[in-house]
Amino acid sequence: MNKKRLIISVLTIIVVLAVLVTGGYVYKDAIQSRIARTAAVVSAQEIKPLLDSESRYIRQIVAQDNSTSRTIMWQSDSSEADAVIEYR
């Protein structure tokens, strides 16, 4: 009976650890962003989120002729492969 209980306990611990590791990997961008925000608050840095976006330091690159095209750059902690900019 003791051996069976020990095996169940060990398996339960392994499953819980596997779930935590998998969840940490899946949500690593959100976790890193939260850690960065917490560190910024602790070190008294100012964080101004842009609406619901994770984008920061948005800037337009100035060229000789901006009438035909524009280059917009930003920094993000999350991967944004299909990012979209709405120009108003």
C-alpha atoms as a PDB file:
ATOM      1  CA  MET A   1       0.000   0.000   0.000  1.00  0.00           C
ATOM      2  CA  ASN A   2       2.825   2.411   0.836  1.00  0.00           C
ATOM      3  CA  LYS A   3       4.627   1.607  -2.414  1.00  0.00           C
ATOM      4  CA  LYS A   4       1.483   2.269  -4.462  1.00  0.00           C
ATOM      5  CA  ARG A   5       0.925   5.596  -2.703  1.00  0.00           C
ATOM      6  CA  LEU A   6       4.552   6.610  -3.323  1.00  0.00           C
ATOM      7  CA  ILE A   7       4.283   5.796  -7.040  1.00  0.00           C
ATOM      8  CA  ILE A   8       1.062   7.818  -7.349  1.00  0.00           C
ATOM      9  CA  SER A   9       2.656  10.762  -5.536  1.00  0.00           C
ATOM     10  CA  VAL A  10       5.739  10.703  -7.767  1.00  0.00           C
ATOM     11  CA  LEU A  11       3.624  10.470 -10.929  1.00  0.00           C
ATOM     12  CA  THR A  12       1.442  13.351  -9.740  1.00  0.00           C
ATOM     13  CA  ILE A  13       4.509  15.513  -9.131  1.00  0.00           C
ATOM     14  CA  ILE A  14       5.893  14.647 -12.586  1.00  0.00           C
ATOM     15  CA  VAL A  15       2.584  15.517 -14.273  1.00  0.00           C
ATOM     16  CA  VAL A  16       2.303  18.833 -12.399  1.00  0.00           C
ATOM     17  CA  LEU A  17       5.883  19.757 -13.331  1.00  0.00           C
ATOM     18  CA  ALA A  18       5.250  18.831 -16.979  1.00  0.00           C
ATOM     19  CA  VAL A  19       2.143  21.034 -17.059  1.00  0.00           C
ATOM     20  CA  LEU A  20       4.040  23.956 -15.492  1.00  0.00           C
ATOM     21  CA  VAL A  21       6.960  23.635 -17.921  1.00  0.00           C
ATOM     22  CA  THR A  22       4.640  23.365 -20.931  1.00  0.00           C
ATOM     23  CA  GLY A  23       2.590  26.355 -19.787  1.00  0.00           C
ATOM     24  CA  GLY A  24       5.729  28.367 -19.172  1.00  0.00           C
ATOM     25  CA  TYR A  25       6.968  27.615 -22.677  1.00  0.00           C
ATOM     26  CA  VAL A  26       3.646  28.413 -24.345  1.00  0.00           C
ATOM     27  CA  TYR A  27       3.218  31.717 -22.489  1.00  0.00           C
ATOM     28  CA  LYS A  28       6.910  32.696 -22.351  1.00  0.00           C
ATOM     29  CA  ASP A  29       6.377  35.998 -24.215  1.00  0.00           C
ATOM     30  CA  ALA A  30       3.641  37.083 -21.819  1.00  0.00           C
ATOM     31  CA  ILE A  31       5.694  35.991 -18.814  1.00  0.00           C
ATOM     32  CA  GLN A  32       8.787  37.866 -20.038  1.00  0.00           C
ATOM     33  CA  SER A  33       6.698  40.967 -20.707  1.00  0.00           C
ATOM     34  CA  ARG A  34       5.188  40.822 -17.208  1.00  0.00           C
ATOM     35  CA  ILE A  35       8.638  40.408 -15.654  1.00  0.00           C
ATOM     36  CA  ALA A  36       9.939  43.395 -17.661  1.00  0.00           C
ATOM     37  CA  ARG A  37       6.969  45.526 -16.594  1.00  0.00           C
ATOM     38  CA  THR A  38       7.435  44.545 -12.949  1.00  0.00           C
ATOM     39  CA  ALA A  39      11.144  45.350 -13.138  1.00  0.00           C
ATOM     40  CA  ALA A  40      10.324  48.722 -14.708  1.00  0.00           C
ATOM     41  CA  VAL A  41       7.858  49.538 -11.931  1.00  0.00           C
ATOM     42  CA  VAL A  42      10.318  48.487  -9.227  1.00  0.00           C
ATOM     43  CA  SER A  43      13.105  50.580 -10.769  1.00  0.00           C
ATOM     44  CA  ALA A  44      10.736  53.585 -11.191  1.00  0.00           C
ATOM     45  CA  GLN A  45      10.775  53.577 -14.990  1.00  0.00           C
ATOM     46  CA  GLU A  46       7.727  54.907 -16.745  1.00  0.00           C
ATOM     47  CA  ILE A  47       5.606  52.536 -18.819  1.00  0.00           C
ATOM     48  CA  LYS A  48       2.929  53.946 -21.097  1.00  0.00           C
ATOM     49  CA  PRO A  49       1.149  51.159 -22.954  1.00  0.00           C
ATOM     50  CA  LEU A  50      -0.268  52.081 -26.347  1.00  0.00           C
ATOM     51  CA  LEU A  51      -3.916  51.050 -26.168  1.00  0.00           C
ATOM     52  CA  ASP A  52      -3.928  47.246 -25.798  1.00  0.00           C
ATOM     53  CA  SER A  53      -0.697  46.797 -27.731  1.00  0.00           C
ATOM     54  CA  GLU A  54       2.647  45.625 -26.444  1.00  0.00           C
ATOM     55  CA  SER A  55       4.328  48.124 -28.784  1.00  0.00           C
ATOM     56  CA  ARG A  56       6.705  50.716 -27.428  1.00  0.00           C
ATOM     57  CA  TYR A  57       8.982  53.378 -28.878  1.00  0.00           C
ATOM     58  CA  ILE A  58       6.915  53.871 -32.026  1.00  0.00           C
ATOM     59  CA  ARG A  59       8.716  56.117 -34.501  1.00  0.00           C
ATOM     60  CA  GLN A  60       8.605  57.127 -38.136  1.00  0.00           C
ATOM     61  CA  ILE A  61      11.811  57.055 -40.118  1.00  0.00           C
ATOM     62  CA  VAL A  62      12.214  60.345 -41.986  1.00  0.00           C
ATOM     63  CA  ALA A  63      13.203  60.062 -45.634  1.00  0.00           C
ATOM     64  CA  GLN A  64      13.740  62.602 -48.393  1.00  0.00           C
ATOM     65  CA  ASP A  65      10.302  61.945 -49.901  1.00  0.00           C
ATOM     66  CA  ASN A  66       7.590  60.707 -47.523  1.00  0.00           C
ATOM     67  CA  SER A  67       4.782  61.338 -50.034  1.00  0.00           C
ATOM     68  CA  THR A  68       4.908  57.844 -51.560  1.00  0.00           C
ATOM     69  CA  SER A  69       5.838  55.616 -48.643  1.00  0.00           C
ATOM     70  CA  ARG A  70       6.529  55.672 -44.925  1.00  0.00           C
ATOM     71  CA  THR A  71       8.641  53.495 -42.659  1.00  0.00           C
ATOM     72  CA  ILE A  72       7.285  52.917 -39.160  1.00  0.00           C
ATOM     73  CA  MET A  73       9.327  51.108 -36.503  1.00  0.00           C
ATOM     74  CA  TRP A  74       8.484  49.941 -33.001  1.00  0.00           C
ATOM     75  CA  GLN A  75       9.759  47.669 -30.263  1.00  0.00           C
ATOM     76  CA  SER A  76       7.782  44.783 -28.837  1.00  0.00           C
ATOM     77  CA  ASP A  77       8.525  42.068 -26.306  1.00  0.00           C
ATOM     78  CA  SER A  78       6.165  39.698 -28.105  1.00  0.00           C
ATOM     79  CA  SER A  79       6.594  38.234 -31.554  1.00  0.00           C
ATOM     80  CA  GLU A  80       4.428  40.162 -34.031  1.00  0.00           C
ATOM     81  CA  ALA A  81       4.981  38.509 -37.390  1.00  0.00           C
ATOM     82  CA  ASP A  82       1.756  39.846 -38.961  1.00  0.00           C
ATOM     83  CA  ALA A  83       1.678  43.264 -37.302  1.00  0.00           C
ATOM     84  CA  VAL A  84      -0.564  45.970 -38.759  1.00  0.00           C
ATOM     85  CA  ILE A  85      -0.353  49.752 -38.406  1.00  0.00           C
ATOM     86  CA  GLU A  86      -3.526  51.801 -38.741  1.00  0.00           C
ATOM     87  CA  TYR A  87      -2.775  55.273 -40.081  1.00  0.00           C
ATOM     88  CA  ARG A  88      -5.334  57.939 -39.142  1.00  0.00           C
END
